[in-house]
Amino acid sequence: MIIHAFFFYFFSIVAILSALMVITSRSTVNSVFFLILDFISIGCLFIMVGAEFLGIIILIVYVGAVAVLFLFVVMMLNVTHQKQSWFIGRKSTHIPSGLFVSIIILLELLVVVGGWKYKPNVMSSSTLQVSENISNTHLIGSVMYTDYFLYFQISGIILLLSMIGAIVLTYRKRENIKRQSYINQISREKKTSVEMKDVEFEKGVKIDD
């Protein structure tokens, strides 16, 4: 138990310090690295308290996909030397809107936590069966694909539409570029792909582009 408590406080302190470094670091790349460290620490905390599904999801999705995507975007946009105007005294129009959104998110979290704490019957799902022989990952999967199957499918469709919308909005057709037609290449025949020409002696052949 002493070792468990030691690692719990260790990952908790690392998560708090890395979260502070995310918002106080002057380098954007360093902020992303501290964000990855924060995600890893939180994932380890979830695994230690028995929520291995949430811990693995954080490590796979947030660390392996979202944080790495943030890092790629930051490096491609070349904003490594960007300074935060909060600490150097310059005016910024994003600070009031960011504080407003943060306050709204904090109020929503308080409502969710308060509603969960004072709810009379937390286990109201029809498929939730508490047993020591069944893992919480199996229980979450059974609830998600039975009681909330429709919402799960709708969320997948929304993500698909957002991905298609992002591709359509960022697509730009460039002119004066030679393009390949895969349909023409696959469906070509011998008559259209091979042309026989009689070449005269000591004369070349003119080929049209």
N, C-alpha and C. Protein backbone atom coordinates (compact mmCIF):
# COMPACT_ATOMS: atom_id res chain seq x y z
N MET A 1 0.82 -1.21 0.00
CA MET A 1 0.00 0.00 0.00
C MET A 1 0.85 1.26 0.00
N ILE A 2 2.01 1.20 0.67
CA ILE A 2 2.87 2.38 0.71
C ILE A 2 3.40 2.69 -0.69
N ILE A 3 3.77 1.63 -1.42
CA ILE A 3 4.27 1.83 -2.78
C ILE A 3 3.17 2.38 -3.68
N HIS A 4 1.95 1.86 -3.52
CA HIS A 4 0.81 2.34 -4.31
C HIS A 4 0.55 3.82 -4.03
N ALA A 5 0.58 4.20 -2.75
CA ALA A 5 0.36 5.61 -2.40
C ALA A 5 1.49 6.49 -2.93
N PHE A 6 2.72 5.97 -2.87
CA PHE A 6 3.86 6.75 -3.38
C PHE A 6 3.71 7.05 -4.87
N PHE A 7 3.39 6.02 -5.66
CA PHE A 7 3.24 6.24 -7.09
C PHE A 7 2.02 7.10 -7.41
N PHE A 8 0.97 6.97 -6.59
CA PHE A 8 -0.22 7.80 -6.82
C PHE A 8 0.11 9.28 -6.64
N TYR A 9 0.78 9.62 -5.54
CA TYR A 9 1.15 11.02 -5.31
C TYR A 9 2.20 11.48 -6.31
N PHE A 10 3.07 10.58 -6.72
CA PHE A 10 4.09 10.94 -7.71
C PHE A 10 3.45 11.34 -9.04
N PHE A 11 2.55 10.48 -9.56
CA PHE A 11 1.90 10.81 -10.83
C PHE A 11 0.97 12.02 -10.68
N SER A 12 0.39 12.21 -9.51
CA SER A 12 -0.47 13.37 -9.30
C SER A 12 0.34 14.67 -9.35
N ILE A 13 1.49 14.67 -8.68
CA ILE A 13 2.34 15.87 -8.69
C ILE A 13 2.86 16.14 -10.10
N VAL A 14 3.27 15.09 -10.82
CA VAL A 14 3.75 15.27 -12.19
C VAL A 14 2.64 15.81 -13.09
N ALA A 15 1.42 15.32 -12.91
CA ALA A 15 0.30 15.80 -13.73
C ALA A 15 0.01 17.27 -13.46
N ILE A 16 0.05 17.68 -12.19
CA ILE A 16 -0.23 19.08 -11.85
C ILE A 16 0.87 20.00 -12.38
N LEU A 17 2.12 19.61 -12.17
CA LEU A 17 3.23 20.44 -12.64
C LEU A 17 3.28 20.54 -14.16
N SER A 18 3.04 19.43 -14.85
CA SER A 18 3.04 19.47 -16.32
C SER A 18 1.87 20.28 -16.86
N ALA A 19 0.72 20.24 -16.17
CA ALA A 19 -0.41 21.07 -16.60
C ALA A 19 -0.09 22.56 -16.44
N LEU A 20 0.60 22.91 -15.37
CA LEU A 20 1.01 24.30 -15.21
C LEU A 20 2.04 24.71 -16.25
N MET A 21 2.93 23.81 -16.60
CA MET A 21 3.94 24.13 -17.61
C MET A 21 3.34 24.27 -19.00
N VAL A 22 2.22 23.61 -19.24
CA VAL A 22 1.55 23.74 -20.54
C VAL A 22 1.12 25.16 -20.78
N ILE A 23 0.59 25.83 -19.75
CA ILE A 23 0.06 27.18 -19.92
C ILE A 23 1.09 28.26 -19.62
N THR A 24 2.22 27.91 -19.00
CA THR A 24 3.23 28.91 -18.68
C THR A 24 4.47 28.85 -19.56
N SER A 25 4.62 27.80 -20.34
CA SER A 25 5.80 27.68 -21.20
C SER A 25 5.72 28.66 -22.35
N ARG A 26 6.84 29.32 -22.65
CA ARG A 26 6.87 30.28 -23.74
C ARG A 26 7.03 29.62 -25.10
N SER A 27 7.54 28.43 -25.14
CA SER A 27 7.70 27.71 -26.40
C SER A 27 6.49 26.81 -26.63
N THR A 28 5.94 26.87 -27.84
CA THR A 28 4.76 26.07 -28.15
C THR A 28 5.10 24.58 -28.21
N VAL A 29 6.26 24.25 -28.71
CA VAL A 29 6.66 22.85 -28.78
C VAL A 29 6.82 22.26 -27.37
N ASN A 30 7.42 23.04 -26.46
CA ASN A 30 7.55 22.57 -25.08
C ASN A 30 6.18 22.39 -24.43
N SER A 31 5.23 23.26 -24.75
CA SER A 31 3.88 23.12 -24.20
C SER A 31 3.25 21.81 -24.65
N VAL A 32 3.46 21.44 -25.90
CA VAL A 32 2.91 20.18 -26.41
C VAL A 32 3.57 19.00 -25.72
N PHE A 33 4.89 19.08 -25.49
CA PHE A 33 5.58 18.00 -24.79
C PHE A 33 5.06 17.84 -23.35
N PHE A 34 4.86 18.95 -22.67
CA PHE A 34 4.30 18.89 -21.32
C PHE A 34 2.87 18.38 -21.33
N LEU A 35 2.13 18.69 -22.40
CA LEU A 35 0.76 18.16 -22.53
C LEU A 35 0.78 16.64 -22.68
N ILE A 36 1.73 16.12 -23.45
CA ILE A 36 1.87 14.67 -23.58
C ILE A 36 2.22 14.05 -22.24
N LEU A 37 3.13 14.68 -21.48
CA LEU A 37 3.48 14.17 -20.15
C LEU A 37 2.28 14.20 -19.21
N ASP A 38 1.45 15.23 -19.33
CA ASP A 38 0.25 15.32 -18.51
C ASP A 38 -0.72 14.19 -18.84
N PHE A 39 -0.93 13.92 -20.11
CA PHE A 39 -1.81 12.83 -20.52
C PHE A 39 -1.30 11.48 -20.01
N ILE A 40 0.00 11.26 -20.09
CA ILE A 40 0.56 9.99 -19.63
C ILE A 40 0.36 9.83 -18.12
N SER A 41 0.58 10.91 -17.37
CA SER A 41 0.41 10.84 -15.92
C SER A 41 -1.04 10.57 -15.54
N ILE A 42 -1.97 11.23 -16.22
CA ILE A 42 -3.39 11.01 -15.92
C ILE A 42 -3.80 9.59 -16.30
N GLY A 43 -3.30 9.09 -17.43
CA GLY A 43 -3.58 7.71 -17.80
C GLY A 43 -3.06 6.72 -16.77
N CYS A 44 -1.87 6.96 -16.23
CA CYS A 44 -1.34 6.09 -15.18
C CYS A 44 -2.20 6.16 -13.92
N LEU A 45 -2.71 7.34 -13.59
CA LEU A 45 -3.58 7.47 -12.42
C LEU A 45 -4.88 6.68 -12.61
N PHE A 46 -5.46 6.74 -13.80
CA PHE A 46 -6.67 5.95 -14.06
C PHE A 46 -6.40 4.46 -13.93
N ILE A 47 -5.26 4.02 -14.43
CA ILE A 47 -4.92 2.60 -14.34
C ILE A 47 -4.72 2.18 -12.88
N MET A 48 -4.12 3.05 -12.07
CA MET A 48 -3.87 2.72 -10.67
C MET A 48 -5.16 2.62 -9.86
N VAL A 49 -6.18 3.42 -10.19
CA VAL A 49 -7.43 3.36 -9.43
C VAL A 49 -8.38 2.28 -9.95
N GLY A 50 -7.97 1.52 -10.98
CA GLY A 50 -8.78 0.42 -11.47
C GLY A 50 -9.55 0.69 -12.73
N ALA A 51 -9.47 1.91 -13.26
CA ALA A 51 -10.17 2.24 -14.52
C ALA A 51 -9.19 2.07 -15.67
N GLU A 52 -8.84 0.81 -15.96
CA GLU A 52 -7.82 0.57 -16.99
C GLU A 52 -8.30 0.93 -18.38
N PHE A 53 -9.62 0.86 -18.61
CA PHE A 53 -10.14 1.21 -19.94
C PHE A 53 -9.90 2.69 -20.23
N LEU A 54 -10.23 3.57 -19.29
CA LEU A 54 -10.01 5.00 -19.48
C LEU A 54 -8.52 5.32 -19.58
N GLY A 55 -7.70 4.64 -18.79
CA GLY A 55 -6.27 4.88 -18.86
C GLY A 55 -5.68 4.51 -20.21
N ILE A 56 -6.06 3.35 -20.73
CA ILE A 56 -5.55 2.92 -22.04
C ILE A 56 -6.09 3.82 -23.15
N ILE A 57 -7.34 4.26 -23.04
CA ILE A 57 -7.91 5.15 -24.05
C ILE A 57 -7.15 6.47 -24.08
N ILE A 58 -6.81 7.01 -22.90
CA ILE A 58 -6.04 8.26 -22.85
C ILE A 58 -4.66 8.07 -23.48
N LEU A 59 -4.01 6.94 -23.17
CA LEU A 59 -2.67 6.70 -23.72
C LEU A 59 -2.71 6.49 -25.23
N ILE A 60 -3.72 5.80 -25.72
CA ILE A 60 -3.78 5.49 -27.16
C ILE A 60 -4.29 6.69 -27.96
N VAL A 61 -5.42 7.25 -27.52
CA VAL A 61 -6.08 8.30 -28.31
C VAL A 61 -5.39 9.65 -28.13
N TYR A 62 -5.26 10.09 -26.88
CA TYR A 62 -4.75 11.43 -26.65
C TYR A 62 -3.24 11.52 -26.85
N VAL A 63 -2.50 10.57 -26.28
CA VAL A 63 -1.05 10.61 -26.43
C VAL A 63 -0.63 10.16 -27.83
N GLY A 64 -1.22 9.07 -28.32
CA GLY A 64 -0.78 8.52 -29.58
C GLY A 64 -1.34 9.21 -30.81
N ALA A 65 -2.41 9.99 -30.67
CA ALA A 65 -3.02 10.61 -31.84
C ALA A 65 -3.15 12.12 -31.69
N VAL A 66 -3.86 12.57 -30.67
CA VAL A 66 -4.18 14.00 -30.55
C VAL A 66 -2.92 14.81 -30.26
N ALA A 67 -2.14 14.41 -29.24
CA ALA A 67 -0.96 15.17 -28.88
C ALA A 67 0.09 15.16 -29.99
N VAL A 68 0.28 14.02 -30.63
CA VAL A 68 1.22 13.94 -31.74
C VAL A 68 0.75 14.80 -32.91
N LEU A 69 -0.56 14.84 -33.15
CA LEU A 69 -1.11 15.71 -34.19
C LEU A 69 -0.85 17.18 -33.85
N PHE A 70 -1.05 17.55 -32.59
CA PHE A 70 -0.74 18.92 -32.16
C PHE A 70 0.72 19.25 -32.44
N LEU A 71 1.61 18.32 -32.13
CA LEU A 71 3.04 18.56 -32.32
C LEU A 71 3.37 18.72 -33.81
N PHE A 72 2.79 17.89 -34.66
CA PHE A 72 3.01 18.02 -36.10
C PHE A 72 2.51 19.36 -36.62
N VAL A 73 1.33 19.78 -36.17
CA VAL A 73 0.76 21.05 -36.63
C VAL A 73 1.62 22.21 -36.17
N VAL A 74 2.08 22.17 -34.93
CA VAL A 74 2.92 23.25 -34.41
C VAL A 74 4.23 23.33 -35.19
N MET A 75 4.83 22.20 -35.49
CA MET A 75 6.10 22.21 -36.22
C MET A 75 5.91 22.62 -37.68
N MET A 76 4.78 22.26 -38.30
CA MET A 76 4.54 22.67 -39.67
C MET A 76 4.22 24.15 -39.78
N LEU A 77 3.54 24.71 -38.77
CA LEU A 77 3.21 26.14 -38.80
C LEU A 77 4.38 27.02 -38.37
N ASN A 78 5.45 26.42 -37.86
CA ASN A 78 6.66 27.15 -37.50
C ASN A 78 6.37 28.25 -36.49
N VAL A 79 5.78 27.85 -35.37
CA VAL A 79 5.47 28.81 -34.31
C VAL A 79 6.27 28.47 -33.06
N THR A 80 7.47 27.96 -33.22
CA THR A 80 8.27 27.57 -32.07
C THR A 80 8.77 28.78 -31.28
N HIS A 81 8.93 29.92 -31.96
CA HIS A 81 9.43 31.10 -31.28
C HIS A 81 8.32 32.06 -30.89
N GLN A 82 7.10 31.59 -30.93
CA GLN A 82 5.98 32.45 -30.56
C GLN A 82 5.98 32.69 -29.05
N LYS A 83 5.81 33.92 -28.67
CA LYS A 83 5.79 34.28 -27.25
C LYS A 83 4.36 34.56 -26.83
N GLN A 84 4.08 34.21 -25.61
CA GLN A 84 2.74 34.41 -25.09
C GLN A 84 2.60 35.84 -24.58
N SER A 85 1.59 36.52 -25.06
CA SER A 85 1.41 37.93 -24.73
C SER A 85 0.91 38.12 -23.30
N TRP A 86 0.50 37.04 -22.63
CA TRP A 86 0.01 37.16 -21.25
C TRP A 86 1.13 37.62 -20.32
N PHE A 87 2.37 37.17 -20.57
CA PHE A 87 3.46 37.43 -19.65
C PHE A 87 4.32 38.62 -20.05
N ILE A 88 4.21 39.08 -21.29
CA ILE A 88 5.07 40.18 -21.71
C ILE A 88 4.32 41.50 -21.75
N GLY A 89 3.05 41.52 -21.32
CA GLY A 89 2.34 42.77 -21.15
C GLY A 89 1.63 43.27 -22.38
N ARG A 90 1.58 42.52 -23.47
CA ARG A 90 0.89 42.97 -24.66
C ARG A 90 -0.59 42.61 -24.58
N LYS A 91 -1.37 43.40 -25.26
CA LYS A 91 -2.81 43.16 -25.26
C LYS A 91 -3.15 42.03 -26.22
N SER A 92 -4.09 41.21 -25.83
CA SER A 92 -4.52 40.09 -26.66
C SER A 92 -6.04 40.00 -26.62
N THR A 93 -6.64 39.79 -27.77
CA THR A 93 -8.09 39.70 -27.85
C THR A 93 -8.61 38.31 -27.53
N HIS A 94 -7.71 37.34 -27.38
CA HIS A 94 -8.15 35.97 -27.12
C HIS A 94 -8.30 35.68 -25.63
N ILE A 95 -7.71 36.47 -24.77
CA ILE A 95 -7.76 36.20 -23.33
C ILE A 95 -9.18 36.29 -22.77
N PRO A 96 -9.96 37.34 -23.06
CA PRO A 96 -11.34 37.37 -22.51
C PRO A 96 -12.21 36.22 -22.97
N SER A 97 -12.13 35.88 -24.25
CA SER A 97 -12.94 34.76 -24.75
C SER A 97 -12.48 33.44 -24.14
N GLY A 98 -11.17 33.28 -23.94
CA GLY A 98 -10.68 32.06 -23.31
C GLY A 98 -11.12 31.93 -21.87
N LEU A 99 -11.11 33.05 -21.13
CA LEU A 99 -11.58 33.02 -19.74
C LEU A 99 -13.08 32.73 -19.68
N PHE A 100 -13.84 33.28 -20.61
CA PHE A 100 -15.28 33.04 -20.63
C PHE A 100 -15.59 31.57 -20.88
N VAL A 101 -14.90 30.98 -21.86
CA VAL A 101 -15.11 29.56 -22.15
C VAL A 101 -14.65 28.69 -20.99
N SER A 102 -13.56 29.06 -20.33
CA SER A 102 -13.07 28.29 -19.18
C SER A 102 -14.06 28.31 -18.02
N ILE A 103 -14.67 29.46 -17.78
CA ILE A 103 -15.66 29.54 -16.71
C ILE A 103 -16.88 28.68 -17.01
N ILE A 104 -17.32 28.68 -18.28
CA ILE A 104 -18.46 27.85 -18.67
C ILE A 104 -18.14 26.37 -18.48
N ILE A 105 -16.93 25.95 -18.89
CA ILE A 105 -16.54 24.55 -18.74
C ILE A 105 -16.46 24.18 -17.26
N LEU A 106 -15.95 25.08 -16.42
CA LEU A 106 -15.87 24.81 -14.98
C LEU A 106 -17.27 24.65 -14.38
N LEU A 107 -18.21 25.50 -14.77
CA LEU A 107 -19.57 25.37 -14.27
C LEU A 107 -20.22 24.07 -14.73
N GLU A 108 -19.97 23.68 -15.97
CA GLU A 108 -20.51 22.41 -16.46
C GLU A 108 -19.94 21.23 -15.69
N LEU A 109 -18.64 21.27 -15.39
CA LEU A 109 -18.04 20.18 -14.61
C LEU A 109 -18.63 20.12 -13.20
N LEU A 110 -18.87 21.27 -12.60
CA LEU A 110 -19.48 21.29 -11.27
C LEU A 110 -20.89 20.71 -11.29
N VAL A 111 -21.64 21.03 -12.34
CA VAL A 111 -23.00 20.48 -12.46
C VAL A 111 -22.96 18.96 -12.63
N VAL A 112 -22.03 18.48 -13.47
CA VAL A 112 -21.93 17.04 -13.72
C VAL A 112 -21.50 16.30 -12.44
N VAL A 113 -20.47 16.82 -11.76
CA VAL A 113 -20.00 16.16 -10.55
C VAL A 113 -21.06 16.20 -9.46
N GLY A 114 -21.73 17.34 -9.31
CA GLY A 114 -22.78 17.42 -8.30
C GLY A 114 -23.96 16.52 -8.60
N GLY A 115 -24.35 16.43 -9.88
CA GLY A 115 -25.44 15.54 -10.24
C GLY A 115 -25.10 14.08 -10.04
N TRP A 116 -23.84 13.72 -10.31
CA TRP A 116 -23.43 12.33 -10.10
C TRP A 116 -23.35 12.00 -8.61
N LYS A 117 -22.94 12.94 -7.79
CA LYS A 117 -22.77 12.67 -6.37
C LYS A 117 -24.11 12.54 -5.66
N TYR A 118 -25.07 13.39 -6.01
CA TYR A 118 -26.34 13.39 -5.32
C TYR A 118 -27.44 12.62 -6.06
N LYS A 119 -27.04 11.85 -7.07
CA LYS A 119 -28.02 11.05 -7.78
C LYS A 119 -28.44 9.87 -6.90
N PRO A 120 -29.74 9.61 -6.75
CA PRO A 120 -30.15 8.54 -5.82
C PRO A 120 -29.76 7.15 -6.30
N ASN A 121 -29.81 6.92 -7.61
CA ASN A 121 -29.50 5.60 -8.14
C ASN A 121 -28.51 5.76 -9.26
N VAL A 122 -27.24 5.53 -8.96
CA VAL A 122 -26.21 5.71 -9.98
C VAL A 122 -26.27 4.60 -11.02
N MET A 123 -26.48 3.37 -10.60
CA MET A 123 -26.50 2.23 -11.50
C MET A 123 -27.91 2.04 -12.05
N SER A 124 -28.28 2.90 -12.99
CA SER A 124 -29.62 2.83 -13.57
C SER A 124 -29.63 2.14 -14.92
N SER A 125 -28.49 1.67 -15.40
CA SER A 125 -28.45 1.01 -16.70
C SER A 125 -29.05 -0.39 -16.59
N SER A 126 -29.76 -0.78 -17.63
CA SER A 126 -30.42 -2.09 -17.62
C SER A 126 -29.46 -3.24 -17.85
N THR A 127 -28.28 -2.96 -18.41
CA THR A 127 -27.31 -4.03 -18.72
C THR A 127 -26.10 -4.00 -17.82
N LEU A 128 -26.08 -3.14 -16.79
CA LEU A 128 -24.93 -3.04 -15.91
C LEU A 128 -25.06 -4.05 -14.78
N GLN A 129 -24.13 -5.00 -14.75
CA GLN A 129 -24.11 -6.05 -13.73
C GLN A 129 -22.74 -6.03 -13.05
N VAL A 130 -22.75 -5.67 -11.77
CA VAL A 130 -21.50 -5.56 -11.03
C VAL A 130 -21.07 -6.94 -10.58
N SER A 131 -19.88 -7.33 -10.98
CA SER A 131 -19.35 -8.64 -10.61
C SER A 131 -17.84 -8.56 -10.60
N GLU A 132 -17.22 -9.29 -9.67
CA GLU A 132 -15.77 -9.29 -9.59
C GLU A 132 -15.14 -10.09 -10.72
N ASN A 133 -15.89 -10.97 -11.35
CA ASN A 133 -15.35 -11.79 -12.43
C ASN A 133 -15.39 -11.10 -13.78
N ILE A 134 -16.08 -9.96 -13.89
CA ILE A 134 -16.21 -9.23 -15.14
C ILE A 134 -15.46 -7.91 -15.01
N SER A 135 -14.61 -7.60 -15.98
CA SER A 135 -13.83 -6.36 -15.93
C SER A 135 -14.71 -5.17 -16.29
N ASN A 136 -14.25 -3.98 -15.88
CA ASN A 136 -15.01 -2.78 -16.20
C ASN A 136 -14.98 -2.46 -17.68
N THR A 137 -13.96 -2.93 -18.40
CA THR A 137 -13.94 -2.74 -19.85
C THR A 137 -15.08 -3.49 -20.51
N HIS A 138 -15.34 -4.72 -20.05
CA HIS A 138 -16.46 -5.50 -20.58
C HIS A 138 -17.79 -4.85 -20.23
N LEU A 139 -17.89 -4.30 -19.04
CA LEU A 139 -19.13 -3.64 -18.63
C LEU A 139 -19.39 -2.38 -19.45
N ILE A 140 -18.34 -1.59 -19.67
CA ILE A 140 -18.50 -0.37 -20.47
C ILE A 140 -18.90 -0.71 -21.89
N GLY A 141 -18.30 -1.77 -22.45
CA GLY A 141 -18.66 -2.17 -23.81
C GLY A 141 -20.09 -2.67 -23.90
N SER A 142 -20.54 -3.43 -22.92
CA SER A 142 -21.91 -3.93 -22.95
C SER A 142 -22.93 -2.80 -22.82
N VAL A 143 -22.62 -1.80 -21.98
CA VAL A 143 -23.54 -0.66 -21.85
C VAL A 143 -23.52 0.21 -23.09
N MET A 144 -22.35 0.44 -23.66
CA MET A 144 -22.22 1.32 -24.81
C MET A 144 -22.93 0.76 -26.04
N TYR A 145 -22.82 -0.56 -26.24
CA TYR A 145 -23.38 -1.17 -27.45
C TYR A 145 -24.79 -1.72 -27.24
N THR A 146 -25.39 -1.42 -26.10
CA THR A 146 -26.78 -1.83 -25.89
C THR A 146 -27.67 -0.62 -25.58
N ASP A 147 -27.42 0.02 -24.44
CA ASP A 147 -28.25 1.16 -24.04
C ASP A 147 -27.97 2.41 -24.87
N TYR A 148 -26.70 2.61 -25.23
CA TYR A 148 -26.31 3.83 -25.93
C TYR A 148 -25.79 3.52 -27.33
N PHE A 149 -26.33 2.49 -27.94
CA PHE A 149 -25.85 2.10 -29.27
C PHE A 149 -26.20 3.16 -30.31
N LEU A 150 -27.39 3.73 -30.24
CA LEU A 150 -27.82 4.75 -31.21
C LEU A 150 -26.95 6.00 -31.10
N TYR A 151 -26.67 6.44 -29.88
CA TYR A 151 -25.83 7.62 -29.70
C TYR A 151 -24.40 7.36 -30.18
N PHE A 152 -23.93 6.14 -29.99
CA PHE A 152 -22.59 5.77 -30.45
C PHE A 152 -22.51 5.84 -31.97
N GLN A 153 -23.53 5.34 -32.66
CA GLN A 153 -23.55 5.40 -34.11
C GLN A 153 -23.69 6.83 -34.62
N ILE A 154 -24.50 7.64 -33.95
CA ILE A 154 -24.66 9.04 -34.37
C ILE A 154 -23.36 9.81 -34.20
N SER A 155 -22.65 9.57 -33.11
CA SER A 155 -21.36 10.24 -32.92
C SER A 155 -20.36 9.83 -34.00
N GLY A 156 -20.38 8.55 -34.40
CA GLY A 156 -19.49 8.12 -35.48
C GLY A 156 -19.83 8.79 -36.80
N ILE A 157 -21.12 8.96 -37.10
CA ILE A 157 -21.54 9.64 -38.33
C ILE A 157 -21.13 11.11 -38.29
N ILE A 158 -21.26 11.75 -37.13
CA ILE A 158 -20.86 13.16 -37.00
C ILE A 158 -19.36 13.32 -37.23
N LEU A 159 -18.56 12.41 -36.67
CA LEU A 159 -17.11 12.47 -36.89
C LEU A 159 -16.76 12.24 -38.36
N LEU A 160 -17.49 11.33 -39.02
CA LEU A 160 -17.24 11.08 -40.44
C LEU A 160 -17.58 12.32 -41.27
N LEU A 161 -18.70 12.96 -40.97
CA LEU A 161 -19.08 14.16 -41.71
C LEU A 161 -18.10 15.30 -41.45
N SER A 162 -17.61 15.43 -40.23
CA SER A 162 -16.62 16.48 -39.95
C SER A 162 -15.32 16.22 -40.70
N MET A 163 -14.90 14.96 -40.81
CA MET A 163 -13.69 14.64 -41.55
C MET A 163 -13.86 14.96 -43.03
N ILE A 164 -15.02 14.59 -43.60
CA ILE A 164 -15.28 14.90 -45.02
C ILE A 164 -15.34 16.41 -45.23
N GLY A 165 -15.98 17.14 -44.30
CA GLY A 165 -16.05 18.59 -44.41
C GLY A 165 -14.68 19.25 -44.35
N ALA A 166 -13.80 18.74 -43.48
CA ALA A 166 -12.44 19.30 -43.40
C ALA A 166 -11.68 19.05 -44.69
N ILE A 167 -11.86 17.88 -45.29
CA ILE A 167 -11.17 17.60 -46.56
C ILE A 167 -11.70 18.50 -47.67
N VAL A 168 -13.02 18.68 -47.72
CA VAL A 168 -13.61 19.52 -48.77
C VAL A 168 -13.19 20.98 -48.61
N LEU A 169 -13.14 21.48 -47.37
CA LEU A 169 -12.79 22.89 -47.15
C LEU A 169 -11.32 23.17 -47.44
N THR A 170 -10.45 22.22 -47.18
CA THR A 170 -9.01 22.45 -47.39
C THR A 170 -8.53 22.02 -48.76
N TYR A 171 -9.40 21.42 -49.57
CA TYR A 171 -8.97 20.96 -50.90
C TYR A 171 -8.87 22.14 -51.86
N ARG A 172 -7.77 22.25 -52.54
CA ARG A 172 -7.55 23.29 -53.53
C ARG A 172 -7.05 22.64 -54.82
N LYS A 173 -7.74 22.91 -55.92
CA LYS A 173 -7.37 22.35 -57.20
C LYS A 173 -6.34 23.24 -57.87
N ARG A 174 -5.18 22.69 -58.17
CA ARG A 174 -4.11 23.45 -58.79
C ARG A 174 -4.10 23.21 -60.29
N GLU A 175 -3.86 24.28 -61.02
CA GLU A 175 -3.86 24.22 -62.48
C GLU A 175 -2.44 23.96 -62.99
N ASN A 176 -2.36 23.64 -64.31
CA ASN A 176 -1.08 23.43 -65.01
C ASN A 176 -0.25 22.33 -64.35
N ILE A 177 -0.92 21.29 -63.91
CA ILE A 177 -0.23 20.15 -63.32
C ILE A 177 -0.69 18.88 -64.03
N LYS A 178 0.25 18.05 -64.43
CA LYS A 178 -0.08 16.80 -65.09
C LYS A 178 -0.65 15.82 -64.07
N ARG A 179 -1.82 15.30 -64.36
CA ARG A 179 -2.49 14.38 -63.46
C ARG A 179 -2.68 13.03 -64.11
N GLN A 180 -2.76 12.03 -63.32
CA GLN A 180 -2.98 10.67 -63.79
C GLN A 180 -4.45 10.32 -63.69
N SER A 181 -4.92 9.61 -64.72
CA SER A 181 -6.28 9.09 -64.71
C SER A 181 -6.19 7.58 -64.52
N TYR A 182 -6.49 7.14 -63.31
CA TYR A 182 -6.35 5.72 -63.00
C TYR A 182 -7.37 4.88 -63.76
N ILE A 183 -8.53 5.43 -64.02
CA ILE A 183 -9.54 4.68 -64.78
C ILE A 183 -9.08 4.44 -66.20
N ASN A 184 -8.51 5.46 -66.82
CA ASN A 184 -8.00 5.28 -68.19
C ASN A 184 -6.82 4.32 -68.23
N GLN A 185 -5.98 4.34 -67.22
CA GLN A 185 -4.84 3.43 -67.19
C GLN A 185 -5.29 1.98 -67.02
N ILE A 186 -6.29 1.75 -66.20
CA ILE A 186 -6.74 0.39 -65.97
C ILE A 186 -7.54 -0.14 -67.16
N SER A 187 -8.35 0.71 -67.76
CA SER A 187 -9.24 0.27 -68.85
C SER A 187 -8.63 0.41 -70.24
N ARG A 188 -7.36 0.67 -70.37
CA ARG A 188 -6.76 0.84 -71.70
C ARG A 188 -6.61 -0.51 -72.41
N GLU A 189 -6.58 -0.45 -73.73
CA GLU A 189 -6.41 -1.66 -74.55
C GLU A 189 -5.15 -1.53 -75.40
N LYS A 190 -4.89 -2.56 -76.16
CA LYS A 190 -3.68 -2.58 -76.97
C LYS A 190 -3.74 -1.56 -78.09
N LYS A 191 -4.94 -1.35 -78.65
CA LYS A 191 -5.07 -0.41 -79.76
C LYS A 191 -4.82 1.04 -79.32
N THR A 192 -5.22 1.35 -78.10
CA THR A 192 -5.08 2.73 -77.63
C THR A 192 -3.76 3.00 -76.91
N SER A 193 -3.06 1.96 -76.49
CA SER A 193 -1.84 2.15 -75.73
C SER A 193 -0.57 1.95 -76.54
N VAL A 194 -0.66 1.23 -77.66
CA VAL A 194 0.52 0.95 -78.48
C VAL A 194 0.29 1.49 -79.88
N GLU A 195 1.25 2.21 -80.39
CA GLU A 195 1.15 2.78 -81.73
C GLU A 195 2.41 2.42 -82.50
N MET A 196 2.23 1.84 -83.66
CA MET A 196 3.34 1.43 -84.52
C MET A 196 3.60 2.50 -85.57
N LYS A 197 4.86 2.89 -85.73
CA LYS A 197 5.23 3.91 -86.71
C LYS A 197 6.42 3.42 -87.53
N ASP A 198 6.38 3.76 -88.80
CA ASP A 198 7.50 3.45 -89.68
C ASP A 198 8.50 4.59 -89.65
N VAL A 199 9.68 4.30 -89.18
CA VAL A 199 10.72 5.31 -89.04
C VAL A 199 11.67 5.22 -90.23
N GLU A 200 11.82 6.37 -90.90
CA GLU A 200 12.75 6.40 -92.04
C GLU A 200 14.19 6.40 -91.54
N PHE A 201 15.06 6.01 -92.44
CA PHE A 201 16.48 5.89 -92.11
C PHE A 201 17.09 7.29 -91.88
N GLU A 202 17.84 7.42 -90.79
CA GLU A 202 18.53 8.64 -90.40
C GLU A 202 17.56 9.82 -90.15
N LYS A 203 16.35 9.51 -89.71
CA LYS A 203 15.37 10.53 -89.35
C LYS A 203 14.70 10.14 -88.03
N GLY A 204 14.37 11.14 -87.26
CA GLY A 204 13.75 10.88 -86.00
C GLY A 204 12.24 10.82 -86.08
N VAL A 205 11.64 10.62 -84.97
CA VAL A 205 10.19 10.53 -84.87
C VAL A 205 9.71 11.66 -83.96
N LYS A 206 8.70 12.39 -84.42
CA LYS A 206 8.12 13.48 -83.62
C LYS A 206 6.98 12.93 -82.78
N ILE A 207 7.12 13.07 -81.49
CA ILE A 207 6.09 12.56 -80.58
C ILE A 207 5.39 13.75 -79.94
N ASP A 208 4.07 13.80 -80.08
CA ASP A 208 3.28 14.89 -79.49
C ASP A 208 3.13 14.64 -77.99
N ASP A 209 3.28 15.70 -77.17
CA ASP A 209 3.11 15.60 -75.71
C ASP A 209 1.64 15.42 -75.36
